């Protein structure tokens, strides 16, 4: 028979054809993507933070919060005294925000009082961020209310030299404090510390706004007396909006589930 009479060479040819790759498999190896188990493990650890890394930056966060507490309390007391003597809505807003900023510092310090991970981390973040959101809402409401009342009463704030010194010092302190808080918040992926940094940014913006309005007031005169109150209303509305934004984030809670 034909199959029996086939030569050994033809049989070897048939065997080689049976194990020959298809055309798609004849591409060079460099064009193929080799999947490694190392890559698969890495994909599951995108949100993992090493223990030593977290301990280091958690201690830094706690130290910054303690320093922030003393800075905000000092500027708050000085600003309250200046507000009573100058009838400035912006200075009152800065003083009131300083008190709430001190509360925020204590909240975030409670959040980073140790370096425990696991299931406790998202819960702590939610509690801390909720507390900060309440302070934003309270600060915004109080600032807008006081500024509107003084604006309706045509209170013309005084601009003494000591006010400029207070504002310049608070601008420098709050600006650097916000940079530190924002940097550490990125390292730890912490919404509560990021919210505290936003509070410091708003305090710095308030000081800058009052400084600008003071220089304009001295150049133009009492015709622009409303600028001080307008700055306070603007910053107060931003505080309210951000407080609402935090509450919405807490309600959905997507970012807290990814923390480790």
C-alpha atoms as a PDB file:
ATOM      1  CA  UNK A   1       0.000   0.000   0.000  1.00  0.00           C
ATOM      2  CA  UNK A   2       0.985   3.663  -0.515  1.00  0.00           C
ATOM      3  CA  UNK A   3       1.164   4.350   3.182  1.00  0.00           C
ATOM      4  CA  UNK A   4       3.333   1.323   3.711  1.00  0.00           C
ATOM      5  CA  UNK A   5       5.621   2.183   0.808  1.00  0.00           C
ATOM      6  CA  UNK A   6       6.265   5.740   1.993  1.00  0.00           C
ATOM      7  CA  UNK A   7       9.876   6.476   2.558  1.00  0.00           C
ATOM      8  CA  UNK A   8      11.313   7.409   5.967  1.00  0.00           C
ATOM      9  CA  UNK A   9      12.072  10.900   4.605  1.00  0.00           C
ATOM     10  CA  UNK A  10       8.427  11.584   3.782  1.00  0.00           C
ATOM     11  CA  UNK A  11       7.324  10.386   7.233  1.00  0.00           C
ATOM     12  CA  UNK A  12       9.728  12.789   8.882  1.00  0.00           C
ATOM     13  CA  UNK A  13       8.330  15.606   6.713  1.00  0.00           C
ATOM     14  CA  UNK A  14       4.756  14.868   7.798  1.00  0.00           C
ATOM     15  CA  UNK A  15       5.841  14.814  11.451  1.00  0.00           C
ATOM     16  CA  UNK A  16       7.615  18.183  11.161  1.00  0.00           C
ATOM     17  CA  UNK A  17       4.584  19.797   9.525  1.00  0.00           C
ATOM     18  CA  UNK A  18       2.352  18.636  12.386  1.00  0.00           C
ATOM     19  CA  UNK A  19       4.513  20.506  14.930  1.00  0.00           C
ATOM     20  CA  UNK A  20       5.214  23.559  12.799  1.00  0.00           C
ATOM     21  CA  UNK A  21       3.845  26.865  14.259  1.00  0.00           C
ATOM     22  CA  UNK A  22       1.229  28.920  12.461  1.00  0.00           C
ATOM     23  CA  UNK A  23       2.139  32.110  10.639  1.00  0.00           C
ATOM     24  CA  UNK A  24       1.063  34.254  13.580  1.00  0.00           C
ATOM     25  CA  UNK A  25       3.439  32.358  15.841  1.00  0.00           C
ATOM     26  CA  UNK A  26       6.426  32.878  13.545  1.00  0.00           C
ATOM     27  CA  UNK A  27       6.851  36.503  14.663  1.00  0.00           C
ATOM     28  CA  UNK A  28      10.096  37.369  16.414  1.00  0.00           C
ATOM     29  CA  UNK A  29      10.096  36.962  20.172  1.00  0.00           C
ATOM     30  CA  UNK A  30      10.801  40.621  20.690  1.00  0.00           C
ATOM     31  CA  UNK A  31       7.363  41.473  19.322  1.00  0.00           C
ATOM     32  CA  UNK A  32       5.672  39.329  21.931  1.00  0.00           C
ATOM     33  CA  UNK A  33       4.770  40.492  25.431  1.00  0.00           C
ATOM     34  CA  UNK A  34       5.877  38.021  28.061  1.00  0.00           C
ATOM     35  CA  UNK A  35       3.648  38.169  31.115  1.00  0.00           C
ATOM     36  CA  UNK A  36       5.480  37.569  34.372  1.00  0.00           C
ATOM     37  CA  UNK A  37       4.009  36.597  37.721  1.00  0.00           C
ATOM     38  CA  UNK A  38       5.948  39.540  39.125  1.00  0.00           C
ATOM     39  CA  UNK A  39       3.832  41.931  37.070  1.00  0.00           C
ATOM     40  CA  UNK A  40       0.639  40.276  38.257  1.00  0.00           C
ATOM     41  CA  UNK A  41       1.673  40.652  41.901  1.00  0.00           C
ATOM     42  CA  UNK A  42       2.644  44.263  41.277  1.00  0.00           C
ATOM     43  CA  UNK A  43      -0.774  45.094  39.882  1.00  0.00           C
ATOM     44  CA  UNK A  44      -2.397  44.091  43.150  1.00  0.00           C
ATOM     45  CA  UNK A  45      -0.032  46.240  45.228  1.00  0.00           C
ATOM     46  CA  UNK A  46      -0.656  49.584  43.531  1.00  0.00           C
ATOM     47  CA  UNK A  47      -2.115  51.027  46.744  1.00  0.00           C
ATOM     48  CA  UNK A  48       0.200  49.284  49.181  1.00  0.00           C
ATOM     49  CA  UNK A  49       2.355  51.535  51.332  1.00  0.00           C
ATOM     50  CA  UNK A  50       5.403  49.916  52.981  1.00  0.00           C
ATOM     51  CA  UNK A  51       5.321  49.884  56.757  1.00  0.00           C
ATOM     52  CA  UNK A  52       8.597  51.765  57.262  1.00  0.00           C
ATOM     53  CA  UNK A  53       7.560  54.376  54.702  1.00  0.00           C
ATOM     54  CA  UNK A  54       4.236  54.931  56.468  1.00  0.00           C
ATOM     55  CA  UNK A  55       5.848  55.095  59.902  1.00  0.00           C
ATOM     56  CA  UNK A  56       8.296  57.743  58.722  1.00  0.00           C
ATOM     57  CA  UNK A  57       5.721  60.017  57.103  1.00  0.00           C
ATOM     58  CA  UNK A  58       3.090  59.405  59.768  1.00  0.00           C
ATOM     59  CA  UNK A  59       5.504  60.725  62.375  1.00  0.00           C
ATOM     60  CA  UNK A  60       6.181  63.698  60.107  1.00  0.00           C
ATOM     61  CA  UNK A  61       2.442  64.324  59.741  1.00  0.00           C
ATOM     62  CA  UNK A  62       1.954  64.204  63.509  1.00  0.00           C
ATOM     63  CA  UNK A  63       4.849  66.628  64.091  1.00  0.00           C
ATOM     64  CA  UNK A  64       3.517  69.069  61.481  1.00  0.00           C
ATOM     65  CA  UNK A  65       0.056  68.937  63.059  1.00  0.00           C
ATOM     66  CA  UNK A  66       1.460  69.753  66.492  1.00  0.00           C
ATOM     67  CA  UNK A  67       3.422  72.671  65.053  1.00  0.00           C
ATOM     68  CA  UNK A  68       0.374  73.823  63.109  1.00  0.00           C
ATOM     69  CA  UNK A  69      -1.706  73.818  66.297  1.00  0.00           C
ATOM     70  CA  UNK A  70       0.580  76.260  68.088  1.00  0.00           C
ATOM     71  CA  UNK A  71       0.975  78.489  65.003  1.00  0.00           C
ATOM     72  CA  UNK A  72      -2.770  78.762  64.409  1.00  0.00           C
ATOM     73  CA  UNK A  73      -3.550  79.434  68.079  1.00  0.00           C
ATOM     74  CA  UNK A  74      -0.973  82.247  68.257  1.00  0.00           C
ATOM     75  CA  UNK A  75      -2.177  83.938  65.077  1.00  0.00           C
ATOM     76  CA  UNK A  76      -5.797  83.456  66.081  1.00  0.00           C
ATOM     77  CA  UNK A  77      -5.338  85.249  69.415  1.00  0.00           C
ATOM     78  CA  UNK A  78      -3.404  88.102  67.780  1.00  0.00           C
ATOM     79  CA  UNK A  79      -5.948  88.386  64.966  1.00  0.00           C
ATOM     80  CA  UNK A  80      -8.922  88.513  67.354  1.00  0.00           C
ATOM     81  CA  UNK A  81      -7.284  91.398  69.191  1.00  0.00           C
ATOM     82  CA  UNK A  82      -6.582  93.204  65.918  1.00  0.00           C
ATOM     83  CA  UNK A  83     -10.125  92.577  64.688  1.00  0.00           C
ATOM     84  CA  UNK A  84     -11.679  94.279  67.725  1.00  0.00           C
ATOM     85  CA  UNK A  85      -9.570  97.388  67.241  1.00  0.00           C
ATOM     86  CA  UNK A  86      -9.826  97.659  63.440  1.00  0.00           C
ATOM     87  CA  UNK A  87     -13.403  96.498  62.640  1.00  0.00           C
ATOM     88  CA  UNK A  88     -11.933  94.323  59.890  1.00  0.00           C
ATOM     89  CA  UNK A  89     -14.099  91.432  58.688  1.00  0.00           C
ATOM     90  CA  UNK A  90     -11.135  89.767  57.026  1.00  0.00           C
ATOM     91  CA  UNK A  91      -9.089  89.821  60.215  1.00  0.00           C
ATOM     92  CA  UNK A  92     -12.030  88.394  62.143  1.00  0.00           C
ATOM     93  CA  UNK A  93     -12.380  85.673  59.505  1.00  0.00           C
ATOM     94  CA  UNK A  94      -8.671  84.938  59.779  1.00  0.00           C
ATOM     95  CA  UNK A  95      -8.907  84.739  63.570  1.00  0.00           C
ATOM     96  CA  UNK A  96     -11.961  82.495  63.496  1.00  0.00           C
ATOM     97  CA  UNK A  97     -10.395  80.304  60.836  1.00  0.00           C
ATOM     98  CA  UNK A  98      -7.304  80.060  63.026  1.00  0.00           C
ATOM     99  CA  UNK A  99      -9.348  78.587  65.869  1.00  0.00           C
ATOM    100  CA  UNK A 100     -10.924  76.053  63.550  1.00  0.00           C
ATOM    101  CA  UNK A 101      -7.511  75.410  61.998  1.00  0.00           C
ATOM    102  CA  UNK A 102      -6.231  74.489  65.461  1.00  0.00           C
ATOM    103  CA  UNK A 103      -9.145  72.073  65.788  1.00  0.00           C
ATOM    104  CA  UNK A 104      -8.251  70.618  62.371  1.00  0.00           C
ATOM    105  CA  UNK A 105      -4.670  70.120  63.520  1.00  0.00           C
ATOM    106  CA  UNK A 106      -5.852  68.187  66.566  1.00  0.00           C
ATOM    107  CA  UNK A 107      -8.126  66.057  64.380  1.00  0.00           C
ATOM    108  CA  UNK A 108      -5.349  65.150  61.961  1.00  0.00           C
ATOM    109  CA  UNK A 109      -2.938  64.553  64.858  1.00  0.00           C
ATOM    110  CA  UNK A 110      -5.496  62.085  66.259  1.00  0.00           C
ATOM    111  CA  UNK A 111      -5.613  60.451  62.832  1.00  0.00           C
ATOM    112  CA  UNK A 112      -1.820  59.941  62.784  1.00  0.00           C
ATOM    113  CA  UNK A 113      -1.301  59.251  66.481  1.00  0.00           C
ATOM    114  CA  UNK A 114       0.009  55.794  65.491  1.00  0.00           C
ATOM    115  CA  UNK A 115       0.812  53.905  62.293  1.00  0.00           C
ATOM    116  CA  UNK A 116      -1.800  51.145  62.383  1.00  0.00           C
ATOM    117  CA  UNK A 117      -2.944  50.076  58.941  1.00  0.00           C
ATOM    118  CA  UNK A 118      -5.641  47.719  57.777  1.00  0.00           C
ATOM    119  CA  UNK A 119      -9.332  48.288  58.318  1.00  0.00           C
ATOM    120  CA  UNK A 120      -8.838  51.129  60.830  1.00  0.00           C
ATOM    121  CA  UNK A 121      -7.256  53.497  58.304  1.00  0.00           C
ATOM    122  CA  UNK A 122     -10.317  54.216  56.090  1.00  0.00           C
ATOM    123  CA  UNK A 123     -12.501  54.603  59.200  1.00  0.00           C
ATOM    124  CA  UNK A 124     -10.108  57.104  60.775  1.00  0.00           C
ATOM    125  CA  UNK A 125      -9.828  59.025  57.526  1.00  0.00           C
ATOM    126  CA  UNK A 126     -13.602  59.297  57.241  1.00  0.00           C
ATOM    127  CA  UNK A 127     -13.980  60.509  60.826  1.00  0.00           C
ATOM    128  CA  UNK A 128     -11.107  63.001  60.524  1.00  0.00           C
ATOM    129  CA  UNK A 129     -12.247  64.328  57.149  1.00  0.00           C
ATOM    130  CA  UNK A 130     -15.832  64.660  58.386  1.00  0.00           C
ATOM    131  CA  UNK A 131     -14.641  66.696  61.370  1.00  0.00           C
ATOM    132  CA  UNK A 132     -12.620  68.977  59.086  1.00  0.00           C
ATOM    133  CA  UNK A 133     -15.608  69.343  56.746  1.00  0.00           C
ATOM    134  CA  UNK A 134     -17.709  70.559  59.686  1.00  0.00           C
ATOM    135  CA  UNK A 135     -15.077  73.188  60.529  1.00  0.00           C
ATOM    136  CA  UNK A 136     -15.031  74.372  56.911  1.00  0.00           C
ATOM    137  CA  UNK A 137     -18.806  74.751  56.909  1.00  0.00           C
ATOM    138  CA  UNK A 138     -18.800  76.528  60.276  1.00  0.00           C
ATOM    139  CA  UNK A 139     -15.966  78.848  59.305  1.00  0.00           C
ATOM    140  CA  UNK A 140     -17.578  79.697  55.981  1.00  0.00           C
ATOM    141  CA  UNK A 141     -20.975  80.469  57.509  1.00  0.00           C
ATOM    142  CA  UNK A 142     -19.537  82.607  60.323  1.00  0.00           C
ATOM    143  CA  UNK A 143     -17.211  84.518  57.981  1.00  0.00           C
ATOM    144  CA  UNK A 144     -19.917  85.334  55.440  1.00  0.00           C
ATOM    145  CA  UNK A 145     -22.421  86.304  58.139  1.00  0.00           C
ATOM    146  CA  UNK A 146     -20.069  88.698  59.959  1.00  0.00           C
ATOM    147  CA  UNK A 147     -18.771  90.235  56.724  1.00  0.00           C
ATOM    148  CA  UNK A 148     -22.283  90.835  55.368  1.00  0.00           C
ATOM    149  CA  UNK A 149     -23.413  92.441  58.635  1.00  0.00           C
ATOM    150  CA  UNK A 150     -20.426  94.788  58.707  1.00  0.00           C
ATOM    151  CA  UNK A 151     -20.868  95.552  55.021  1.00  0.00           C
ATOM    152  CA  UNK A 152     -24.519  96.470  55.570  1.00  0.00           C
ATOM    153  CA  UNK A 153     -23.539  98.603  58.575  1.00  0.00           C
ATOM    154  CA  UNK A 154     -20.923 100.451  56.461  1.00  0.00           C
ATOM    155  CA  UNK A 155     -18.196  99.693  58.977  1.00  0.00           C
ATOM    156  CA  UNK A 156     -14.996 101.184  57.608  1.00  0.00           C
ATOM    157  CA  UNK A 157     -12.039  99.151  58.911  1.00  0.00           C
ATOM    158  CA  UNK A 158      -8.867 100.804  60.073  1.00  0.00           C
ATOM    159  CA  UNK A 159      -5.508  99.770  58.585  1.00  0.00           C
ATOM    160  CA  UNK A 160      -2.765 100.362  61.167  1.00  0.00           C
ATOM    161  CA  UNK A 161       0.847  99.374  60.591  1.00  0.00           C
ATOM    162  CA  UNK A 162       0.685  96.536  63.106  1.00  0.00           C
ATOM    163  CA  UNK A 163      -2.025  94.950  60.958  1.00  0.00           C
ATOM    164  CA  UNK A 164       0.368  94.721  58.002  1.00  0.00           C
ATOM    165  CA  UNK A 165       3.000  93.061  60.187  1.00  0.00           C
ATOM    166  CA  UNK A 166       0.484  90.483  61.420  1.00  0.00           C
ATOM    167  CA  UNK A 167      -0.758  89.766  57.904  1.00  0.00           C
ATOM    168  CA  UNK A 168       2.731  89.422  56.425  1.00  0.00           C
ATOM    169  CA  UNK A 169       3.829  87.034  59.178  1.00  0.00           C
ATOM    170  CA  UNK A 170       0.690  84.925  58.885  1.00  0.00           C
ATOM    171  CA  UNK A 171       1.033  84.787  55.083  1.00  0.00           C
ATOM    172  CA  UNK A 172       4.563  83.394  55.312  1.00  0.00           C
ATOM    173  CA  UNK A 173       3.706  80.899  58.076  1.00  0.00           C
ATOM    174  CA  UNK A 174       0.485  79.594  56.543  1.00  0.00           C
ATOM    175  CA  UNK A 175       2.022  79.356  53.069  1.00  0.00           C
ATOM    176  CA  UNK A 176       4.943  77.207  54.244  1.00  0.00           C
ATOM    177  CA  UNK A 177       2.662  75.178  56.481  1.00  0.00           C
ATOM    178  CA  UNK A 178       0.355  74.439  53.534  1.00  0.00           C
ATOM    179  CA  UNK A 179       3.318  73.290  51.441  1.00  0.00           C
ATOM    180  CA  UNK A 180       4.440  70.861  54.151  1.00  0.00           C
ATOM    181  CA  UNK A 181       0.953  69.484  54.739  1.00  0.00           C
ATOM    182  CA  UNK A 182       0.276  69.058  51.034  1.00  0.00           C
ATOM    183  CA  UNK A 183       3.601  67.270  50.489  1.00  0.00           C
ATOM    184  CA  UNK A 184       3.014  64.789  53.326  1.00  0.00           C
ATOM    185  CA  UNK A 185      -0.618  64.275  52.265  1.00  0.00           C
ATOM    186  CA  UNK A 186       0.582  63.164  48.827  1.00  0.00           C
ATOM    187  CA  UNK A 187       3.081  60.761  50.380  1.00  0.00           C
ATOM    188  CA  UNK A 188       0.439  59.151  52.601  1.00  0.00           C
ATOM    189  CA  UNK A 189      -2.529  59.603  50.242  1.00  0.00           C
ATOM    190  CA  UNK A 190      -4.436  61.137  53.154  1.00  0.00           C
ATOM    191  CA  UNK A 191      -7.652  63.094  52.386  1.00  0.00           C
ATOM    192  CA  UNK A 192      -7.811  64.492  55.928  1.00  0.00           C
ATOM    193  CA  UNK A 193      -4.291  65.946  55.801  1.00  0.00           C
ATOM    194  CA  UNK A 194      -4.993  67.284  52.310  1.00  0.00           C
ATOM    195  CA  UNK A 195      -8.093  69.032  53.654  1.00  0.00           C
ATOM    196  CA  UNK A 196      -6.023  70.540  56.464  1.00  0.00           C
ATOM    197  CA  UNK A 197      -3.579  71.800  53.829  1.00  0.00           C
ATOM    198  CA  UNK A 198      -6.460  73.460  51.972  1.00  0.00           C
ATOM    199  CA  UNK A 199      -7.407  75.217  55.207  1.00  0.00           C
ATOM    200  CA  UNK A 200      -3.858  76.573  55.463  1.00  0.00           C
ATOM    201  CA  UNK A 201      -4.001  77.681  51.814  1.00  0.00           C
ATOM    202  CA  UNK A 202      -7.236  79.568  52.530  1.00  0.00           C
ATOM    203  CA  UNK A 203      -5.667  81.240  55.569  1.00  0.00           C
ATOM    204  CA  UNK A 204      -2.705  82.308  53.432  1.00  0.00           C
ATOM    205  CA  UNK A 205      -5.071  83.548  50.723  1.00  0.00           C
ATOM    206  CA  UNK A 206      -7.001  85.547  53.312  1.00  0.00           C
ATOM    207  CA  UNK A 207      -3.814  87.223  54.548  1.00  0.00           C
ATOM    208  CA  UNK A 208      -2.734  87.993  50.983  1.00  0.00           C
ATOM    209  CA  UNK A 209      -6.161  89.389  50.112  1.00  0.00           C
ATOM    210  CA  UNK A 210      -6.231  91.661  53.151  1.00  0.00           C
ATOM    211  CA  UNK A 211      -2.688  92.860  52.415  1.00  0.00           C
ATOM    212  CA  UNK A 212      -3.693  93.775  48.867  1.00  0.00           C
ATOM    213  CA  UNK A 213      -6.860  95.509  50.031  1.00  0.00           C
ATOM    214  CA  UNK A 214      -4.842  97.397  52.658  1.00  0.00           C
ATOM    215  CA  UNK A 215      -2.397  98.772  50.093  1.00  0.00           C
ATOM    216  CA  UNK A 216      -5.275  99.736  47.779  1.00  0.00           C
ATOM    217  CA  UNK A 217      -7.097 101.328  50.708  1.00  0.00           C
ATOM    218  CA  UNK A 218      -4.056 103.430  51.585  1.00  0.00           C
ATOM    219  CA  UNK A 219      -3.544 104.530  47.994  1.00  0.00           C
ATOM    220  CA  UNK A 220      -7.153 105.262  47.005  1.00  0.00           C
ATOM    221  CA  UNK A 221      -8.712 106.174  50.338  1.00  0.00           C
ATOM    222  CA  UNK A 222     -11.931 105.319  52.116  1.00  0.00           C
ATOM    223  CA  UNK A 223     -13.852 104.978  48.853  1.00  0.00           C
ATOM    224  CA  UNK A 224     -12.791 101.326  48.724  1.00  0.00           C
ATOM    225  CA  UNK A 225     -13.588 100.513  52.345  1.00  0.00           C
ATOM    226  CA  UNK A 226     -15.778  97.594  51.192  1.00  0.00           C
ATOM    227  CA  UNK A 227     -12.803  95.624  49.816  1.00  0.00           C
ATOM    228  CA  UNK A 228     -11.938  94.206  53.221  1.00  0.00           C
ATOM    229  CA  UNK A 229     -15.427  92.795  53.734  1.00  0.00           C
ATOM    230  CA  UNK A 230     -15.579  91.569  50.120  1.00  0.00           C
ATOM    231  CA  UNK A 231     -12.397  89.543  50.573  1.00  0.00           C
ATOM    232  CA  UNK A 232     -13.869  87.934  53.682  1.00  0.00           C
ATOM    233  CA  UNK A 233     -17.114  87.053  51.863  1.00  0.00           C
ATOM    234  CA  UNK A 234     -15.204  85.543  48.932  1.00  0.00           C
ATOM    235  CA  UNK A 235     -12.967  83.355  51.110  1.00  0.00           C
ATOM    236  CA  UNK A 236     -15.972  82.386  53.252  1.00  0.00           C
ATOM    237  CA  UNK A 237     -17.851  81.140  50.193  1.00  0.00           C
ATOM    238  CA  UNK A 238     -14.827  79.092  49.116  1.00  0.00           C
ATOM    239  CA  UNK A 239     -14.712  77.541  52.574  1.00  0.00           C
ATOM    240  CA  UNK A 240     -18.401  76.644  52.344  1.00  0.00           C
ATOM    241  CA  UNK A 241     -18.023  75.115  48.881  1.00  0.00           C
ATOM    242  CA  UNK A 242     -15.035  73.035  49.917  1.00  0.00           C
ATOM    243  CA  UNK A 243     -16.833  71.841  53.045  1.00  0.00           C
ATOM    244  CA  UNK A 244     -19.733  70.647  50.892  1.00  0.00           C
ATOM    245  CA  UNK A 245     -17.228  68.992  48.547  1.00  0.00           C
ATOM    246  CA  UNK A 246     -15.719  67.061  51.466  1.00  0.00           C
ATOM    247  CA  UNK A 247     -19.143  65.907  52.639  1.00  0.00           C
ATOM    248  CA  UNK A 248     -19.922  64.597  49.137  1.00  0.00           C
ATOM    249  CA  UNK A 249     -16.606  62.728  49.017  1.00  0.00           C
ATOM    250  CA  UNK A 250     -17.297  61.173  52.409  1.00  0.00           C
ATOM    251  CA  UNK A 251     -20.785  60.125  51.304  1.00  0.00           C
ATOM    252  CA  UNK A 252     -19.474  58.239  48.285  1.00  0.00           C
ATOM    253  CA  UNK A 253     -16.355  57.083  50.104  1.00  0.00           C
ATOM    254  CA  UNK A 254     -14.541  55.729  47.046  1.00  0.00           C
ATOM    255  CA  UNK A 255     -11.107  57.060  47.889  1.00  0.00           C
ATOM    256  CA  UNK A 256     -11.160  55.833  51.489  1.00  0.00           C
ATOM    257  CA  UNK A 257     -11.575  52.192  50.459  1.00  0.00           C
ATOM    258  CA  UNK A 258      -8.264  52.276  48.573  1.00  0.00           C
ATOM    259  CA  UNK A 259      -6.204  53.405  51.540  1.00  0.00           C
ATOM    260  CA  UNK A 260      -3.945  50.947  53.258  1.00  0.00           C
END
